[in-house]
Amino acid sequence: GMVGSRIATEASARGHEVLAVSRSGQSPVPGVTATAADATDAAKVAD
């Protein structure tokens, strides 16, 4: 999203390791690892 992609960009630029999670599984920032998941799924969130 608009805000999430900016957070991913900022955190990655500072050298943090970011796993970007969304329904689409697309990476908001080149080089940032991304995956698809639903935040309502507690078991998947935990994994």
ModelCIF file with pLDDT and N, C-alpha, C, O atoms, coordinates in Angstrom:
data_MODEL
#
_entry.id   MODEL 
#
_entity.id                         1 
_entity.type                       polymer 
_entity.pdbx_number_of_molecules   1 
#
_entity_poly.entity_id                      1 
_entity_poly.type                           'polypeptide(L)' 
_entity_poly.nstd_linkage                   no 
_entity_poly.nstd_monomer                   no 
_entity_poly.pdbx_seq_one_letter_code       GMVGSRIATEASARGHEVLAVSRSGQSPVPGVTATAADATDAAKVAD 
_entity_poly.pdbx_seq_one_letter_code_can   GMVGSRIATEASARGHEVLAVSRSGQSPVPGVTATAADATDAAKVAD 
_entity_poly.pdbx_strand_id                 A 
#
loop_
_entity_poly_seq.entity_id 
_entity_poly_seq.num 
_entity_poly_seq.mon_id 
_entity_poly_seq.hetero 
1 1  GLY n 
1 2  MET n 
1 3  VAL n 
1 4  GLY n 
1 5  SER n 
1 6  ARG n 
1 7  ILE n 
1 8  ALA n 
1 9  THR n 
1 10 GLU n 
1 11 ALA n 
1 12 SER n 
1 13 ALA n 
1 14 ARG n 
1 15 GLY n 
1 16 HIS n 
1 17 GLU n 
1 18 VAL n 
1 19 LEU n 
1 20 ALA n 
1 21 VAL n 
1 22 SER n 
1 23 ARG n 
1 24 SER n 
1 25 GLY n 
1 26 GLN n 
1 27 SER n 
1 28 PRO n 
1 29 VAL n 
1 30 PRO n 
1 31 GLY n 
1 32 VAL n 
1 33 THR n 
1 34 ALA n 
1 35 THR n 
1 36 ALA n 
1 37 ALA n 
1 38 ASP n 
1 39 ALA n 
1 40 THR n 
1 41 ASP n 
1 42 ALA n 
1 43 ALA n 
1 44 LYS n 
1 45 VAL n 
1 46 ALA n 
1 47 ASP n 
#
_struct_asym.id          A 
_struct_asym.entity_id   1 
#
loop_
_ma_qa_metric.id 
_ma_qa_metric.mode 
_ma_qa_metric.name 
_ma_qa_metric.software_group_id 
_ma_qa_metric.type 
1 global pLDDT . pLDDT 
2 local  pLDDT . pLDDT 
#
_ma_qa_metric_global.metric_id      1 
_ma_qa_metric_global.metric_value   96.68 
_ma_qa_metric_global.model_id       1 
_ma_qa_metric_global.ordinal_id     1 
#
loop_
_ma_qa_metric_local.label_asym_id 
_ma_qa_metric_local.label_comp_id 
_ma_qa_metric_local.label_seq_id 
_ma_qa_metric_local.metric_id 
_ma_qa_metric_local.metric_value 
_ma_qa_metric_local.model_id 
_ma_qa_metric_local.ordinal_id 
A GLY 1  2 97.00 1 1  
A MET 2  2 97.00 1 2  
A VAL 3  2 98.00 1 3  
A GLY 4  2 98.00 1 4  
A SER 5  2 98.00 1 5  
A ARG 6  2 98.00 1 6  
A ILE 7  2 98.00 1 7  
A ALA 8  2 98.00 1 8  
A THR 9  2 98.00 1 9  
A GLU 10 2 98.00 1 10 
A ALA 11 2 98.00 1 11 
A SER 12 2 98.00 1 12 
A ALA 13 2 97.00 1 13 
A ARG 14 2 98.00 1 14 
A GLY 15 2 97.00 1 15 
A HIS 16 2 98.00 1 16 
A GLU 17 2 97.00 1 17 
A VAL 18 2 98.00 1 18 
A LEU 19 2 98.00 1 19 
A ALA 20 2 98.00 1 20 
A VAL 21 2 98.00 1 21 
A SER 22 2 97.00 1 22 
A ARG 23 2 94.00 1 23 
A SER 24 2 95.00 1 24 
A GLY 25 2 97.00 1 25 
A GLN 26 2 95.00 1 26 
A SER 27 2 96.00 1 27 
A PRO 28 2 94.00 1 28 
A VAL 29 2 93.00 1 29 
A PRO 30 2 91.00 1 30 
A GLY 31 2 86.00 1 31 
A VAL 32 2 96.00 1 32 
A THR 33 2 97.00 1 33 
A ALA 34 2 98.00 1 34 
A THR 35 2 98.00 1 35 
A ALA 36 2 98.00 1 36 
A ALA 37 2 97.00 1 37 
A ASP 38 2 94.00 1 38 
A ALA 39 2 95.00 1 39 
A THR 40 2 95.00 1 40 
A ASP 41 2 97.00 1 41 
A ALA 42 2 98.00 1 42 
A ALA 43 2 98.00 1 43 
A LYS 44 2 98.00 1 44 
A VAL 45 2 98.00 1 45 
A ALA 46 2 98.00 1 46 
A ASP 47 2 98.00 1 47 
#
loop_
_atom_site.group_PDB 
_atom_site.id 
_atom_site.type_symbol 
_atom_site.label_atom_id 
_atom_site.label_alt_id 
_atom_site.label_comp_id 
_atom_site.label_asym_id 
_atom_site.label_entity_id 
_atom_site.label_seq_id 
_atom_site.pdbx_PDB_ins_code 
_atom_site.Cartn_x 
_atom_site.Cartn_y 
_atom_site.Cartn_z 
_atom_site.occupancy 
_atom_site.B_iso_or_equiv 
_atom_site.pdbx_formal_charge 
_atom_site.auth_seq_id 
_atom_site.auth_comp_id 
_atom_site.auth_asym_id 
_atom_site.auth_atom_id 
_atom_site.pdbx_PDB_model_num 
ATOM 1   N N  . GLY A 1 1  ? 0.816  -1.207  0.000  1.00 97.00 ? 1  GLY A N  1 
ATOM 2   C CA . GLY A 1 1  ? 0.000  0.000   0.000  1.00 97.00 ? 1  GLY A CA 1 
ATOM 3   C C  . GLY A 1 1  ? 0.849  1.256   0.000  1.00 97.00 ? 1  GLY A C  1 
ATOM 4   O O  . GLY A 1 1  ? 2.077  1.183   0.035  1.00 97.00 ? 1  GLY A O  1 
ATOM 5   N N  . MET A 1 2  ? 0.194  2.407   -0.039 1.00 97.00 ? 2  MET A N  1 
ATOM 6   C CA . MET A 1 2  ? 0.921  3.677   -0.081 1.00 97.00 ? 2  MET A CA 1 
ATOM 7   C C  . MET A 1 2  ? 1.869  3.820   1.105  1.00 97.00 ? 2  MET A C  1 
ATOM 8   O O  . MET A 1 2  ? 3.037  4.166   0.932  1.00 97.00 ? 2  MET A O  1 
ATOM 9   N N  . VAL A 1 3  ? 1.371  3.557   2.296  1.00 98.00 ? 3  VAL A N  1 
ATOM 10  C CA . VAL A 1 3  ? 2.192  3.714   3.493  1.00 98.00 ? 3  VAL A CA 1 
ATOM 11  C C  . VAL A 1 3  ? 3.130  2.526   3.672  1.00 98.00 ? 3  VAL A C  1 
ATOM 12  O O  . VAL A 1 3  ? 4.311  2.705   3.968  1.00 98.00 ? 3  VAL A O  1 
ATOM 13  N N  . GLY A 1 4  ? 2.611  1.325   3.495  1.00 98.00 ? 4  GLY A N  1 
ATOM 14  C CA . GLY A 1 4  ? 3.439  0.144   3.679  1.00 98.00 ? 4  GLY A CA 1 
ATOM 15  C C  . GLY A 1 4  ? 4.652  0.127   2.768  1.00 98.00 ? 4  GLY A C  1 
ATOM 16  O O  . GLY A 1 4  ? 5.743  -0.254  3.194  1.00 98.00 ? 4  GLY A O  1 
ATOM 17  N N  . SER A 1 5  ? 4.476  0.533   1.524  1.00 98.00 ? 5  SER A N  1 
ATOM 18  C CA . SER A 1 5  ? 5.600  0.534   0.583  1.00 98.00 ? 5  SER A CA 1 
ATOM 19  C C  . SER A 1 5  ? 6.664  1.543   1.004  1.00 98.00 ? 5  SER A C  1 
ATOM 20  O O  . SER A 1 5  ? 7.856  1.309   0.804  1.00 98.00 ? 5  SER A O  1 
ATOM 21  N N  . ARG A 1 6  ? 6.239  2.665   1.585  1.00 98.00 ? 6  ARG A N  1 
ATOM 22  C CA . ARG A 1 6  ? 7.220  3.658   2.065  1.00 98.00 ? 6  ARG A CA 1 
ATOM 23  C C  . ARG A 1 6  ? 7.962  3.131   3.290  1.00 98.00 ? 6  ARG A C  1 
ATOM 24  O O  . ARG A 1 6  ? 9.161  3.369   3.435  1.00 98.00 ? 6  ARG A O  1 
ATOM 25  N N  . ILE A 1 7  ? 7.264  2.419   4.167  1.00 98.00 ? 7  ILE A N  1 
ATOM 26  C CA . ILE A 1 7  ? 7.935  1.827   5.329  1.00 98.00 ? 7  ILE A CA 1 
ATOM 27  C C  . ILE A 1 7  ? 8.949  0.786   4.879  1.00 98.00 ? 7  ILE A C  1 
ATOM 28  O O  . ILE A 1 7  ? 10.065 0.740   5.398  1.00 98.00 ? 7  ILE A O  1 
ATOM 29  N N  . ALA A 1 8  ? 8.569  -0.046  3.919  1.00 98.00 ? 8  ALA A N  1 
ATOM 30  C CA . ALA A 1 8  ? 9.495  -1.043  3.389  1.00 98.00 ? 8  ALA A CA 1 
ATOM 31  C C  . ALA A 1 8  ? 10.720 -0.374  2.781  1.00 98.00 ? 8  ALA A C  1 
ATOM 32  O O  . ALA A 1 8  ? 11.846 -0.826  2.991  1.00 98.00 ? 8  ALA A O  1 
ATOM 33  N N  . THR A 1 9  ? 10.508 0.690   2.039  1.00 98.00 ? 9  THR A N  1 
ATOM 34  C CA . THR A 1 9  ? 11.615 1.423   1.411  1.00 98.00 ? 9  THR A CA 1 
ATOM 35  C C  . THR A 1 9  ? 12.547 2.006   2.459  1.00 98.00 ? 9  THR A C  1 
ATOM 36  O O  . THR A 1 9  ? 13.766 1.864   2.359  1.00 98.00 ? 9  THR A O  1 
ATOM 37  N N  . GLU A 1 10 ? 11.977 2.664   3.467  1.00 98.00 ? 10 GLU A N  1 
ATOM 38  C CA . GLU A 1 10 ? 12.778 3.313   4.511  1.00 98.00 ? 10 GLU A CA 1 
ATOM 39  C C  . GLU A 1 10 ? 13.563 2.293   5.331  1.00 98.00 ? 10 GLU A C  1 
ATOM 40  O O  . GLU A 1 10 ? 14.754 2.475   5.584  1.00 98.00 ? 10 GLU A O  1 
ATOM 41  N N  . ALA A 1 11 ? 12.892 1.223   5.743  1.00 98.00 ? 11 ALA A N  1 
ATOM 42  C CA . ALA A 1 11 ? 13.555 0.213   6.565  1.00 98.00 ? 11 ALA A CA 1 
ATOM 43  C C  . ALA A 1 11 ? 14.676 -0.477  5.787  1.00 98.00 ? 11 ALA A C  1 
ATOM 44  O O  . ALA A 1 11 ? 15.760 -0.704  6.324  1.00 98.00 ? 11 ALA A O  1 
ATOM 45  N N  . SER A 1 12 ? 14.414 -0.807  4.533  1.00 98.00 ? 12 SER A N  1 
ATOM 46  C CA . SER A 1 12 ? 15.423 -1.460  3.711  1.00 98.00 ? 12 SER A CA 1 
ATOM 47  C C  . SER A 1 12 ? 16.622 -0.552  3.483  1.00 98.00 ? 12 SER A C  1 
ATOM 48  O O  . SER A 1 12 ? 17.767 -1.004  3.513  1.00 98.00 ? 12 SER A O  1 
ATOM 49  N N  . ALA A 1 13 ? 16.354 0.742   3.253  1.00 97.00 ? 13 ALA A N  1 
ATOM 50  C CA . ALA A 1 13 ? 17.439 1.694   3.016  1.00 97.00 ? 13 ALA A CA 1 
ATOM 51  C C  . ALA A 1 13 ? 18.343 1.839   4.237  1.00 97.00 ? 13 ALA A C  1 
ATOM 52  O O  . ALA A 1 13 ? 19.518 2.180   4.106  1.00 97.00 ? 13 ALA A O  1 
ATOM 53  N N  . ARG A 1 14 ? 17.797 1.582   5.417  1.00 98.00 ? 14 ARG A N  1 
ATOM 54  C CA . ARG A 1 14 ? 18.607 1.676   6.641  1.00 98.00 ? 14 ARG A CA 1 
ATOM 55  C C  . ARG A 1 14 ? 19.315 0.360   6.970  1.00 98.00 ? 14 ARG A C  1 
ATOM 56  O O  . ARG A 1 14 ? 19.981 0.247   8.000  1.00 98.00 ? 14 ARG A O  1 
ATOM 57  N N  . GLY A 1 15 ? 19.170 -0.610  6.108  1.00 97.00 ? 15 GLY A N  1 
ATOM 58  C CA . GLY A 1 15 ? 19.883 -1.856  6.296  1.00 97.00 ? 15 GLY A CA 1 
ATOM 59  C C  . GLY A 1 15 ? 19.136 -2.927  7.049  1.00 97.00 ? 15 GLY A C  1 
ATOM 60  O O  . GLY A 1 15 ? 19.715 -3.960  7.384  1.00 97.00 ? 15 GLY A O  1 
ATOM 61  N N  . HIS A 1 16 ? 17.850 -2.707  7.327  1.00 98.00 ? 16 HIS A N  1 
ATOM 62  C CA . HIS A 1 16 ? 17.062 -3.731  7.997  1.00 98.00 ? 16 HIS A CA 1 
ATOM 63  C C  . HIS A 1 16 ? 16.604 -4.788  6.987  1.00 98.00 ? 16 HIS A C  1 
ATOM 64  O O  . HIS A 1 16 ? 16.401 -4.496  5.809  1.00 98.00 ? 16 HIS A O  1 
ATOM 65  N N  . GLU A 1 17 ? 16.450 -5.998  7.468  1.00 97.00 ? 17 GLU A N  1 
ATOM 66  C CA . GLU A 1 17 ? 15.943 -7.089  6.637  1.00 97.00 ? 17 GLU A CA 1 
ATOM 67  C C  . GLU A 1 17 ? 14.413 -7.050  6.687  1.00 97.00 ? 17 GLU A C  1 
ATOM 68  O O  . GLU A 1 17 ? 13.824 -7.189  7.759  1.00 97.00 ? 17 GLU A O  1 
ATOM 69  N N  . VAL A 1 18 ? 13.782 -6.864  5.553  1.00 98.00 ? 18 VAL A N  1 
ATOM 70  C CA . VAL A 1 18 ? 12.329 -6.708  5.490  1.00 98.00 ? 18 VAL A CA 1 
ATOM 71  C C  . VAL A 1 18 ? 11.718 -7.876  4.724  1.00 98.00 ? 18 VAL A C  1 
ATOM 72  O O  . VAL A 1 18 ? 12.137 -8.193  3.611  1.00 98.00 ? 18 VAL A O  1 
ATOM 73  N N  . LEU A 1 19 ? 10.729 -8.507  5.336  1.00 98.00 ? 19 LEU A N  1 
ATOM 74  C CA . LEU A 1 19 ? 9.879  -9.461  4.620  1.00 98.00 ? 19 LEU A CA 1 
ATOM 75  C C  . LEU A 1 19 ? 8.559  -8.752  4.357  1.00 98.00 ? 19 LEU A C  1 
ATOM 76  O O  . LEU A 1 19 ? 7.798  -8.479  5.285  1.00 98.00 ? 19 LEU A O  1 
ATOM 77  N N  . ALA A 1 20 ? 8.293  -8.457  3.098  1.00 98.00 ? 20 ALA A N  1 
ATOM 78  C CA . ALA A 1 20 ? 7.102  -7.706  2.704  1.00 98.00 ? 20 ALA A CA 1 
ATOM 79  C C  . ALA A 1 20 ? 5.956  -8.674  2.444  1.00 98.00 ? 20 ALA A C  1 
ATOM 80  O O  . ALA A 1 20 ? 6.039  -9.523  1.557  1.00 98.00 ? 20 ALA A O  1 
ATOM 81  N N  . VAL A 1 21 ? 4.886  -8.543  3.223  1.00 98.00 ? 21 VAL A N  1 
ATOM 82  C CA . VAL A 1 21 ? 3.750  -9.458  3.130  1.00 98.00 ? 21 VAL A CA 1 
ATOM 83  C C  . VAL A 1 21 ? 2.523  -8.701  2.630  1.00 98.00 ? 21 VAL A C  1 
ATOM 84  O O  . VAL A 1 21 ? 2.203  -7.622  3.128  1.00 98.00 ? 21 VAL A O  1 
ATOM 85  N N  . SER A 1 22 ? 1.846  -9.273  1.648  1.00 97.00 ? 22 SER A N  1 
ATOM 86  C CA . SER A 1 22 ? 0.623  -8.675  1.122  1.00 97.00 ? 22 SER A CA 1 
ATOM 87  C C  . SER A 1 22 ? -0.222 -9.772  0.509  1.00 97.00 ? 22 SER A C  1 
ATOM 88  O O  . SER A 1 22 ? 0.235  -10.908 0.377  1.00 97.00 ? 22 SER A O  1 
ATOM 89  N N  . ARG A 1 23 ? -1.438 -9.449  0.138  1.00 94.00 ? 23 ARG A N  1 
ATOM 90  C CA . ARG A 1 23 ? -2.290 -10.437 -0.519 1.00 94.00 ? 23 ARG A CA 1 
ATOM 91  C C  . ARG A 1 23 ? -1.741 -10.818 -1.891 1.00 94.00 ? 23 ARG A C  1 
ATOM 92  O O  . ARG A 1 23 ? -1.898 -11.955 -2.337 1.00 94.00 ? 23 ARG A O  1 
ATOM 93  N N  . SER A 1 24 ? -1.099 -9.861  -2.556 1.00 95.00 ? 24 SER A N  1 
ATOM 94  C CA . SER A 1 24 ? -0.580 -10.124 -3.899 1.00 95.00 ? 24 SER A CA 1 
ATOM 95  C C  . SER A 1 24 ? 0.760  -10.837 -3.879 1.00 95.00 ? 24 SER A C  1 
ATOM 96  O O  . SER A 1 24 ? 1.098  -11.558 -4.818 1.00 95.00 ? 24 SER A O  1 
ATOM 97  N N  . GLY A 1 25 ? 1.519  -10.639 -2.819 1.00 97.00 ? 25 GLY A N  1 
ATOM 98  C CA . GLY A 1 25 ? 2.854  -11.221 -2.745 1.00 97.00 ? 25 GLY A CA 1 
ATOM 99  C C  . GLY A 1 25 ? 3.897  -10.475 -3.542 1.00 97.00 ? 25 GLY A C  1 
ATOM 100 O O  . GLY A 1 25 ? 5.007  -10.975 -3.723 1.00 97.00 ? 25 GLY A O  1 
ATOM 101 N N  . GLN A 1 26 ? 3.568  -9.286  -4.024 1.00 95.00 ? 26 GLN A N  1 
ATOM 102 C CA . GLN A 1 26 ? 4.509  -8.498  -4.811 1.00 95.00 ? 26 GLN A CA 1 
ATOM 103 C C  . GLN A 1 26 ? 5.459  -7.737  -3.890 1.00 95.00 ? 26 GLN A C  1 
ATOM 104 O O  . GLN A 1 26 ? 5.097  -7.370  -2.772 1.00 95.00 ? 26 GLN A O  1 
ATOM 105 N N  . SER A 1 27 ? 6.679  -7.505  -4.374 1.00 96.00 ? 27 SER A N  1 
ATOM 106 C CA . SER A 1 27 ? 7.655  -6.731  -3.606 1.00 96.00 ? 27 SER A CA 1 
ATOM 107 C C  . SER A 1 27 ? 7.468  -5.247  -3.882 1.00 96.00 ? 27 SER A C  1 
ATOM 108 O O  . SER A 1 27 ? 7.452  -4.838  -5.043 1.00 96.00 ? 27 SER A O  1 
ATOM 109 N N  . PRO A 1 28 ? 7.325  -4.424  -2.833 1.00 94.00 ? 28 PRO A N  1 
ATOM 110 C CA . PRO A 1 28 ? 7.159  -2.990  -3.041 1.00 94.00 ? 28 PRO A CA 1 
ATOM 111 C C  . PRO A 1 28 ? 8.478  -2.274  -3.324 1.00 94.00 ? 28 PRO A C  1 
ATOM 112 O O  . PRO A 1 28 ? 8.488  -1.121  -3.755 1.00 94.00 ? 28 PRO A O  1 
ATOM 113 N N  . VAL A 1 29 ? 9.591  -2.969  -3.078 1.00 93.00 ? 29 VAL A N  1 
ATOM 114 C CA . VAL A 1 29 ? 10.908 -2.361  -3.230 1.00 93.00 ? 29 VAL A CA 1 
ATOM 115 C C  . VAL A 1 29 ? 11.835 -3.378  -3.896 1.00 93.00 ? 29 VAL A C  1 
ATOM 116 O O  . VAL A 1 29 ? 11.888 -4.526  -3.458 1.00 93.00 ? 29 VAL A O  1 
ATOM 117 N N  . PRO A 1 30 ? 12.553 -2.994  -4.926 1.00 91.00 ? 30 PRO A N  1 
ATOM 118 C CA . PRO A 1 30 ? 13.492 -3.937  -5.543 1.00 91.00 ? 30 PRO A CA 1 
ATOM 119 C C  . PRO A 1 30 ? 14.461 -4.507  -4.513 1.00 91.00 ? 30 PRO A C  1 
ATOM 120 O O  . PRO A 1 30 ? 15.052 -3.766  -3.727 1.00 91.00 ? 30 PRO A O  1 
ATOM 121 N N  . GLY A 1 31 ? 14.616 -5.811  -4.524 1.00 86.00 ? 31 GLY A N  1 
ATOM 122 C CA . GLY A 1 31 ? 15.543 -6.448  -3.605 1.00 86.00 ? 31 GLY A CA 1 
ATOM 123 C C  . GLY A 1 31 ? 14.952 -6.867  -2.286 1.00 86.00 ? 31 GLY A C  1 
ATOM 124 O O  . GLY A 1 31 ? 15.598 -7.589  -1.526 1.00 86.00 ? 31 GLY A O  1 
ATOM 125 N N  . VAL A 1 32 ? 13.721 -6.430  -1.983 1.00 96.00 ? 32 VAL A N  1 
ATOM 126 C CA . VAL A 1 32 ? 13.063 -6.810  -0.729 1.00 96.00 ? 32 VAL A CA 1 
ATOM 127 C C  . VAL A 1 32 ? 12.291 -8.112  -0.939 1.00 96.00 ? 32 VAL A C  1 
ATOM 128 O O  . VAL A 1 32 ? 11.508 -8.231  -1.881 1.00 96.00 ? 32 VAL A O  1 
ATOM 129 N N  . THR A 1 33 ? 12.510 -9.065  -0.074 1.00 97.00 ? 33 THR A N  1 
ATOM 130 C CA . THR A 1 33 ? 11.815 -10.352 -0.162 1.00 97.00 ? 33 THR A CA 1 
ATOM 131 C C  . THR A 1 33 ? 10.330 -10.161 0.101  1.00 97.00 ? 33 THR A C  1 
ATOM 132 O O  . THR A 1 33 ? 9.951  -9.438  1.023  1.00 97.00 ? 33 THR A O  1 
ATOM 133 N N  . ALA A 1 34 ? 9.489  -10.801 -0.697 1.00 98.00 ? 34 ALA A N  1 
ATOM 134 C CA . ALA A 1 34 ? 8.045  -10.639 -0.572 1.00 98.00 ? 34 ALA A CA 1 
ATOM 135 C C  . ALA A 1 34 ? 7.356  -11.993 -0.578 1.00 98.00 ? 34 ALA A C  1 
ATOM 136 O O  . ALA A 1 34 ? 7.870  -12.967 -1.128 1.00 98.00 ? 34 ALA A O  1 
ATOM 137 N N  . THR A 1 35 ? 6.195  -12.038 0.037  1.00 98.00 ? 35 THR A N  1 
ATOM 138 C CA . THR A 1 35 ? 5.388  -13.251 0.047  1.00 98.00 ? 35 THR A CA 1 
ATOM 139 C C  . THR A 1 35 ? 3.925  -12.875 0.189  1.00 98.00 ? 35 THR A C  1 
ATOM 140 O O  . THR A 1 35 ? 3.598  -11.769 0.619  1.00 98.00 ? 35 THR A O  1 
ATOM 141 N N  . ALA A 1 36 ? 3.050  -13.792 -0.172 1.00 98.00 ? 36 ALA A N  1 
ATOM 142 C CA . ALA A 1 36 ? 1.609  -13.567 -0.074 1.00 98.00 ? 36 ALA A CA 1 
ATOM 143 C C  . ALA A 1 36 ? 1.063  -14.233 1.182  1.00 98.00 ? 36 ALA A C  1 
ATOM 144 O O  . ALA A 1 36 ? 1.404  -15.376 1.485  1.00 98.00 ? 36 ALA A O  1 
ATOM 145 N N  . ALA A 1 37 ? 0.215  -13.513 1.908  1.00 97.00 ? 37 ALA A N  1 
ATOM 146 C CA . ALA A 1 37 ? -0.438 -14.066 3.095  1.00 97.00 ? 37 ALA A CA 1 
ATOM 147 C C  . ALA A 1 37 ? -1.563 -13.144 3.516  1.00 97.00 ? 37 ALA A C  1 
ATOM 148 O O  . ALA A 1 37 ? -1.612 -11.977 3.129  1.00 97.00 ? 37 ALA A O  1 
ATOM 149 N N  . ASP A 1 38 ? -2.466 -13.690 4.319  1.00 94.00 ? 38 ASP A N  1 
ATOM 150 C CA . ASP A 1 38 ? -3.598 -12.958 4.871  1.00 94.00 ? 38 ASP A CA 1 
ATOM 151 C C  . ASP A 1 38 ? -3.340 -12.748 6.355  1.00 94.00 ? 38 ASP A C  1 
ATOM 152 O O  . ASP A 1 38 ? -3.129 -13.711 7.092  1.00 94.00 ? 38 ASP A O  1 
ATOM 153 N N  . ALA A 1 39 ? -3.355 -11.500 6.797  1.00 95.00 ? 39 ALA A N  1 
ATOM 154 C CA . ALA A 1 39 ? -3.040 -11.196 8.191  1.00 95.00 ? 39 ALA A CA 1 
ATOM 155 C C  . ALA A 1 39 ? -4.079 -11.723 9.168  1.00 95.00 ? 39 ALA A C  1 
ATOM 156 O O  . ALA A 1 39 ? -3.818 -11.770 10.370 1.00 95.00 ? 39 ALA A O  1 
ATOM 157 N N  . THR A 1 40 ? -5.251 -12.122 8.683  1.00 95.00 ? 40 THR A N  1 
ATOM 158 C CA . THR A 1 40 ? -6.247 -12.701 9.590  1.00 95.00 ? 40 THR A CA 1 
ATOM 159 C C  . THR A 1 40 ? -5.926 -14.153 9.935  1.00 95.00 ? 40 THR A C  1 
ATOM 160 O O  . THR A 1 40 ? -6.513 -14.715 10.859 1.00 95.00 ? 40 THR A O  1 
ATOM 161 N N  . ASP A 1 41 ? -5.004 -14.760 9.202  1.00 97.00 ? 41 ASP A N  1 
ATOM 162 C CA . ASP A 1 41 ? -4.625 -16.162 9.412  1.00 97.00 ? 41 ASP A CA 1 
ATOM 163 C C  . ASP A 1 41 ? -3.505 -16.213 10.454 1.00 97.00 ? 41 ASP A C  1 
ATOM 164 O O  . ASP A 1 41 ? -2.330 -16.071 10.115 1.00 97.00 ? 41 ASP A O  1 
ATOM 165 N N  . ALA A 1 42 ? -3.868 -16.413 11.708 1.00 98.00 ? 42 ALA A N  1 
ATOM 166 C CA . ALA A 1 42 ? -2.897 -16.358 12.797 1.00 98.00 ? 42 ALA A CA 1 
ATOM 167 C C  . ALA A 1 42 ? -1.778 -17.374 12.627 1.00 98.00 ? 42 ALA A C  1 
ATOM 168 O O  . ALA A 1 42 ? -0.623 -17.081 12.936 1.00 98.00 ? 42 ALA A O  1 
ATOM 169 N N  . ALA A 1 43 ? -2.107 -18.563 12.138 1.00 98.00 ? 43 ALA A N  1 
ATOM 170 C CA . ALA A 1 43 ? -1.082 -19.594 11.956 1.00 98.00 ? 43 ALA A CA 1 
ATOM 171 C C  . ALA A 1 43 ? -0.063 -19.166 10.905 1.00 98.00 ? 43 ALA A C  1 
ATOM 172 O O  . ALA A 1 43 ? 1.136  -19.378 11.080 1.00 98.00 ? 43 ALA A O  1 
ATOM 173 N N  . LYS A 1 44 ? -0.533 -18.570 9.822  1.00 98.00 ? 44 LYS A N  1 
ATOM 174 C CA . LYS A 1 44 ? 0.377  -18.098 8.778  1.00 98.00 ? 44 LYS A CA 1 
ATOM 175 C C  . LYS A 1 44 ? 1.215  -16.927 9.273  1.00 98.00 ? 44 LYS A C  1 
ATOM 176 O O  . LYS A 1 44 ? 2.408  -16.838 8.982  1.00 98.00 ? 44 LYS A O  1 
ATOM 177 N N  . VAL A 1 45 ? 0.579  -16.027 10.027 1.00 98.00 ? 45 VAL A N  1 
ATOM 178 C CA . VAL A 1 45 ? 1.324  -14.911 10.617 1.00 98.00 ? 45 VAL A CA 1 
ATOM 179 C C  . VAL A 1 45 ? 2.457  -15.451 11.477 1.00 98.00 ? 45 VAL A C  1 
ATOM 180 O O  . VAL A 1 45 ? 3.590  -14.978 11.388 1.00 98.00 ? 45 VAL A O  1 
ATOM 181 N N  . ALA A 1 46 ? 2.153  -16.436 12.304 1.00 98.00 ? 46 ALA A N  1 
ATOM 182 C CA . ALA A 1 46 ? 3.163  -17.021 13.184 1.00 98.00 ? 46 ALA A CA 1 
ATOM 183 C C  . ALA A 1 46 ? 4.301  -17.636 12.384 1.00 98.00 ? 46 ALA A C  1 
ATOM 184 O O  . ALA A 1 46 ? 5.467  -17.458 12.735 1.00 98.00 ? 46 ALA A O  1 
ATOM 185 N N  . ASP A 1 47 ? 3.982  -18.356 11.316 1.00 98.00 ? 47 ASP A N  1 
ATOM 186 C CA . ASP A 1 47 ? 5.014  -18.981 10.487 1.00 98.00 ? 47 ASP A CA 1 
ATOM 187 C C  . ASP A 1 47 ? 5.965  -17.933 9.905  1.00 98.00 ? 47 ASP A C  1 
ATOM 188 O O  . ASP A 1 47 ? 6.897  -18.280 9.180  1.00 98.00 ? 47 ASP A O  1 
#
